[in-house]
Amino acid sequence: MSMLHRQIVFGMRLIGQFPSSGSQTRLDLVESEHALIVEAIAEQNAPRAYEAMFEHLSKSRRRLLGFDAVPDWSRQRPTTPHGETVR
């Protein structure tokens, strides 16, 4: 997780999400969102990974923009290699 932590901090600083002395609380939130994604992937639980990633992207967009925006991709559901909708 420490490598993930460094990547999150680097990315957030790049986009100006928080200054160098930034918000540990916000970083903790993002790290916990990432941990849920990683756990679901490790368990090979595609629906749970999808939901965790969807939530993370939605919350990230809200943090960056300050409001909810509905992207085109939010209406699309991922599919398995066999073309089945993941849910």
N, C-alpha and C. Protein backbone atom coordinates (compact mmCIF):
# COMPACT_ATOMS: atom_id res chain seq x y z
N MET A 1 0.81 -1.20 0.00
CA MET A 1 0.00 0.00 0.00
C MET A 1 0.85 1.27 0.00
N SER A 2 2.09 1.20 0.47
CA SER A 2 2.89 2.42 0.51
C SER A 2 3.19 2.93 -0.90
N MET A 3 3.36 2.01 -1.86
CA MET A 3 3.58 2.45 -3.23
C MET A 3 2.32 3.12 -3.78
N LEU A 4 1.17 2.56 -3.46
CA LEU A 4 -0.10 3.15 -3.86
C LEU A 4 -0.25 4.53 -3.23
N HIS A 5 0.11 4.64 -1.98
CA HIS A 5 0.05 5.92 -1.26
C HIS A 5 0.88 6.97 -1.99
N ARG A 6 2.10 6.62 -2.37
CA ARG A 6 2.97 7.58 -3.07
C ARG A 6 2.38 7.98 -4.42
N GLN A 7 1.79 7.04 -5.14
CA GLN A 7 1.18 7.34 -6.43
C GLN A 7 -0.01 8.28 -6.28
N ILE A 8 -0.81 8.05 -5.27
CA ILE A 8 -1.96 8.92 -5.03
C ILE A 8 -1.50 10.33 -4.72
N VAL A 9 -0.54 10.45 -3.82
CA VAL A 9 -0.03 11.77 -3.44
C VAL A 9 0.55 12.48 -4.67
N PHE A 10 1.35 11.77 -5.44
CA PHE A 10 1.95 12.36 -6.64
C PHE A 10 0.88 12.86 -7.60
N GLY A 11 -0.10 12.02 -7.88
CA GLY A 11 -1.16 12.40 -8.81
C GLY A 11 -1.98 13.58 -8.32
N MET A 12 -2.30 13.59 -7.03
CA MET A 12 -3.10 14.68 -6.49
C MET A 12 -2.32 15.99 -6.48
N ARG A 13 -1.04 15.91 -6.23
CA ARG A 13 -0.22 17.13 -6.28
C ARG A 13 -0.13 17.64 -7.71
N LEU A 14 -0.03 16.72 -8.66
CA LEU A 14 0.06 17.09 -10.06
C LEU A 14 -1.14 17.91 -10.50
N ILE A 15 -2.32 17.50 -10.08
CA ILE A 15 -3.53 18.20 -10.50
C ILE A 15 -3.93 19.29 -9.51
N GLY A 16 -3.13 19.50 -8.48
CA GLY A 16 -3.41 20.57 -7.53
C GLY A 16 -4.52 20.25 -6.56
N GLN A 17 -4.78 18.99 -6.35
CA GLN A 17 -5.84 18.59 -5.43
C GLN A 17 -5.54 19.06 -4.01
N PHE A 18 -4.28 18.97 -3.62
CA PHE A 18 -3.90 19.54 -2.34
C PHE A 18 -2.43 19.90 -2.37
N PRO A 19 -2.03 20.89 -1.60
CA PRO A 19 -0.62 21.30 -1.57
C PRO A 19 0.24 20.25 -0.87
N SER A 20 1.56 20.48 -0.90
CA SER A 20 2.50 19.53 -0.30
C SER A 20 2.16 19.22 1.15
N SER A 21 1.69 20.20 1.88
CA SER A 21 1.34 19.98 3.28
C SER A 21 -0.10 19.49 3.41
N GLY A 22 -0.69 19.12 2.29
CA GLY A 22 -2.10 18.81 2.08
C GLY A 22 -2.86 18.03 3.12
N SER A 23 -4.05 17.75 2.77
CA SER A 23 -5.02 17.13 3.65
C SER A 23 -4.82 15.63 3.78
N GLN A 24 -4.41 15.19 4.94
CA GLN A 24 -4.23 13.76 5.19
C GLN A 24 -5.58 13.05 5.17
N THR A 25 -6.62 13.74 5.62
CA THR A 25 -7.95 13.14 5.62
C THR A 25 -8.39 12.79 4.22
N ARG A 26 -8.22 13.72 3.28
CA ARG A 26 -8.60 13.46 1.90
C ARG A 26 -7.77 12.32 1.32
N LEU A 27 -6.49 12.33 1.62
CA LEU A 27 -5.61 11.27 1.14
C LEU A 27 -6.05 9.92 1.71
N ASP A 28 -6.41 9.90 2.98
CA ASP A 28 -6.89 8.66 3.60
C ASP A 28 -8.16 8.15 2.91
N LEU A 29 -9.06 9.07 2.56
CA LEU A 29 -10.28 8.68 1.86
C LEU A 29 -9.96 8.03 0.52
N VAL A 30 -9.09 8.68 -0.24
CA VAL A 30 -8.73 8.16 -1.56
C VAL A 30 -8.03 6.81 -1.43
N GLU A 31 -7.15 6.72 -0.46
CA GLU A 31 -6.43 5.45 -0.26
C GLU A 31 -7.40 4.33 0.12
N SER A 32 -8.39 4.63 0.93
CA SER A 32 -9.35 3.59 1.31
C SER A 32 -10.22 3.19 0.11
N GLU A 33 -10.54 4.14 -0.76
CA GLU A 33 -11.28 3.81 -1.98
C GLU A 33 -10.45 2.89 -2.86
N HIS A 34 -9.18 3.20 -3.00
CA HIS A 34 -8.28 2.36 -3.80
C HIS A 34 -8.15 0.97 -3.18
N ALA A 35 -8.09 0.90 -1.86
CA ALA A 35 -7.96 -0.40 -1.20
C ALA A 35 -9.16 -1.29 -1.49
N LEU A 36 -10.37 -0.70 -1.53
CA LEU A 36 -11.57 -1.48 -1.85
C LEU A 36 -11.49 -2.04 -3.27
N ILE A 37 -10.97 -1.24 -4.19
CA ILE A 37 -10.82 -1.68 -5.58
C ILE A 37 -9.83 -2.84 -5.65
N VAL A 38 -8.68 -2.65 -5.01
CA VAL A 38 -7.63 -3.68 -5.03
C VAL A 38 -8.13 -4.98 -4.39
N GLU A 39 -8.83 -4.88 -3.28
CA GLU A 39 -9.36 -6.07 -2.61
C GLU A 39 -10.32 -6.84 -3.51
N ALA A 40 -11.21 -6.11 -4.17
CA ALA A 40 -12.18 -6.76 -5.05
C ALA A 40 -11.48 -7.45 -6.22
N ILE A 41 -10.47 -6.80 -6.77
CA ILE A 41 -9.72 -7.41 -7.87
C ILE A 41 -8.98 -8.65 -7.38
N ALA A 42 -8.36 -8.54 -6.22
CA ALA A 42 -7.62 -9.68 -5.66
C ALA A 42 -8.55 -10.88 -5.43
N GLU A 43 -9.79 -10.60 -5.07
CA GLU A 43 -10.79 -11.65 -4.84
C GLU A 43 -11.44 -12.11 -6.15
N GLN A 44 -11.06 -11.48 -7.25
CA GLN A 44 -11.63 -11.76 -8.57
C GLN A 44 -13.15 -11.57 -8.57
N ASN A 45 -13.57 -10.53 -7.87
CA ASN A 45 -14.99 -10.21 -7.76
C ASN A 45 -15.27 -9.02 -8.67
N ALA A 46 -15.56 -9.30 -9.94
CA ALA A 46 -15.75 -8.24 -10.93
C ALA A 46 -16.87 -7.27 -10.59
N PRO A 47 -18.04 -7.73 -10.16
CA PRO A 47 -19.09 -6.77 -9.83
C PRO A 47 -18.68 -5.82 -8.69
N ARG A 48 -18.04 -6.37 -7.67
CA ARG A 48 -17.60 -5.54 -6.55
C ARG A 48 -16.50 -4.57 -6.99
N ALA A 49 -15.58 -5.03 -7.84
CA ALA A 49 -14.51 -4.16 -8.34
C ALA A 49 -15.11 -3.03 -9.18
N TYR A 50 -16.09 -3.37 -10.00
CA TYR A 50 -16.75 -2.36 -10.83
C TYR A 50 -17.41 -1.30 -9.94
N GLU A 51 -18.17 -1.74 -8.96
CA GLU A 51 -18.85 -0.81 -8.07
C GLU A 51 -17.86 0.06 -7.30
N ALA A 52 -16.79 -0.54 -6.81
CA ALA A 52 -15.78 0.23 -6.07
C ALA A 52 -15.11 1.25 -6.97
N MET A 53 -14.82 0.86 -8.21
CA MET A 53 -14.19 1.79 -9.15
C MET A 53 -15.16 2.89 -9.55
N PHE A 54 -16.41 2.52 -9.79
CA PHE A 54 -17.43 3.51 -10.14
C PHE A 54 -17.58 4.54 -9.03
N GLU A 55 -17.67 4.05 -7.79
CA GLU A 55 -17.78 4.96 -6.64
C GLU A 55 -16.56 5.87 -6.53
N HIS A 56 -15.38 5.28 -6.70
CA HIS A 56 -14.15 6.07 -6.61
C HIS A 56 -14.12 7.17 -7.67
N LEU A 57 -14.44 6.82 -8.91
CA LEU A 57 -14.43 7.82 -9.98
C LEU A 57 -15.48 8.90 -9.74
N SER A 58 -16.65 8.51 -9.26
CA SER A 58 -17.70 9.48 -8.97
C SER A 58 -17.26 10.44 -7.87
N LYS A 59 -16.69 9.89 -6.81
CA LYS A 59 -16.23 10.72 -5.70
C LYS A 59 -15.05 11.59 -6.11
N SER A 60 -14.16 11.05 -6.94
CA SER A 60 -13.02 11.83 -7.42
C SER A 60 -13.49 13.01 -8.25
N ARG A 61 -14.45 12.76 -9.13
CA ARG A 61 -15.01 13.83 -9.96
C ARG A 61 -15.64 14.90 -9.07
N ARG A 62 -16.38 14.46 -8.05
CA ARG A 62 -17.00 15.40 -7.12
C ARG A 62 -15.94 16.22 -6.39
N ARG A 63 -14.85 15.55 -5.96
CA ARG A 63 -13.78 16.26 -5.26
C ARG A 63 -13.10 17.28 -6.17
N LEU A 64 -12.90 16.91 -7.43
CA LEU A 64 -12.21 17.80 -8.36
C LEU A 64 -13.09 18.93 -8.85
N LEU A 65 -14.33 18.62 -9.20
CA LEU A 65 -15.22 19.61 -9.80
C LEU A 65 -16.11 20.32 -8.79
N GLY A 66 -16.32 19.68 -7.66
CA GLY A 66 -17.18 20.28 -6.65
C GLY A 66 -18.66 20.01 -6.88
N PHE A 67 -18.98 19.22 -7.91
CA PHE A 67 -20.37 18.86 -8.17
C PHE A 67 -20.40 17.55 -8.94
N ASP A 68 -21.59 16.97 -9.01
CA ASP A 68 -21.75 15.72 -9.76
C ASP A 68 -21.97 16.04 -11.22
N ALA A 69 -21.25 15.36 -12.07
CA ALA A 69 -21.45 15.44 -13.51
C ALA A 69 -21.68 14.02 -13.98
N VAL A 70 -22.64 13.84 -14.83
CA VAL A 70 -22.93 12.49 -15.30
C VAL A 70 -22.20 12.25 -16.61
N PRO A 71 -21.14 11.45 -16.57
CA PRO A 71 -20.39 11.18 -17.79
C PRO A 71 -21.10 10.12 -18.63
N ASP A 72 -20.77 10.06 -19.91
CA ASP A 72 -21.36 9.05 -20.79
C ASP A 72 -21.06 7.65 -20.29
N TRP A 73 -19.85 7.44 -19.76
CA TRP A 73 -19.47 6.09 -19.35
C TRP A 73 -20.27 5.58 -18.17
N SER A 74 -20.94 6.47 -17.46
CA SER A 74 -21.69 6.01 -16.29
C SER A 74 -22.91 5.18 -16.68
N ARG A 75 -23.37 5.33 -17.91
CA ARG A 75 -24.53 4.57 -18.36
C ARG A 75 -24.14 3.23 -18.95
N GLN A 76 -22.87 3.03 -19.17
CA GLN A 76 -22.40 1.79 -19.76
C GLN A 76 -22.00 0.82 -18.67
N ARG A 77 -22.32 -0.43 -18.85
CA ARG A 77 -21.94 -1.46 -17.89
C ARG A 77 -20.83 -2.28 -18.52
N PRO A 78 -19.86 -2.69 -17.74
CA PRO A 78 -18.78 -3.51 -18.29
C PRO A 78 -19.31 -4.89 -18.68
N THR A 79 -18.61 -5.51 -19.59
CA THR A 79 -19.00 -6.86 -20.01
C THR A 79 -17.84 -7.82 -19.78
N THR A 80 -18.19 -9.08 -19.66
CA THR A 80 -17.19 -10.14 -19.52
C THR A 80 -16.62 -10.44 -20.90
N PRO A 81 -15.54 -11.22 -20.99
CA PRO A 81 -15.02 -11.60 -22.30
C PRO A 81 -16.06 -12.33 -23.16
N HIS A 82 -17.11 -12.86 -22.51
CA HIS A 82 -18.17 -13.58 -23.24
C HIS A 82 -19.32 -12.65 -23.61
N GLY A 83 -19.18 -11.36 -23.35
CA GLY A 83 -20.21 -10.39 -23.72
C GLY A 83 -21.35 -10.25 -22.73
N GLU A 84 -21.23 -10.86 -21.56
CA GLU A 84 -22.27 -10.76 -20.54
C GLU A 84 -22.07 -9.48 -19.73
N THR A 85 -23.15 -8.81 -19.41
CA THR A 85 -23.06 -7.58 -18.62
C THR A 85 -22.69 -7.92 -17.19
N VAL A 86 -21.72 -7.18 -16.65
CA VAL A 86 -21.28 -7.38 -15.27
C VAL A 86 -22.19 -6.56 -14.38
N ARG A 87 -22.69 -7.16 -13.32
CA ARG A 87 -23.48 -6.43 -12.33
C ARG A 87 -23.50 -7.17 -11.05
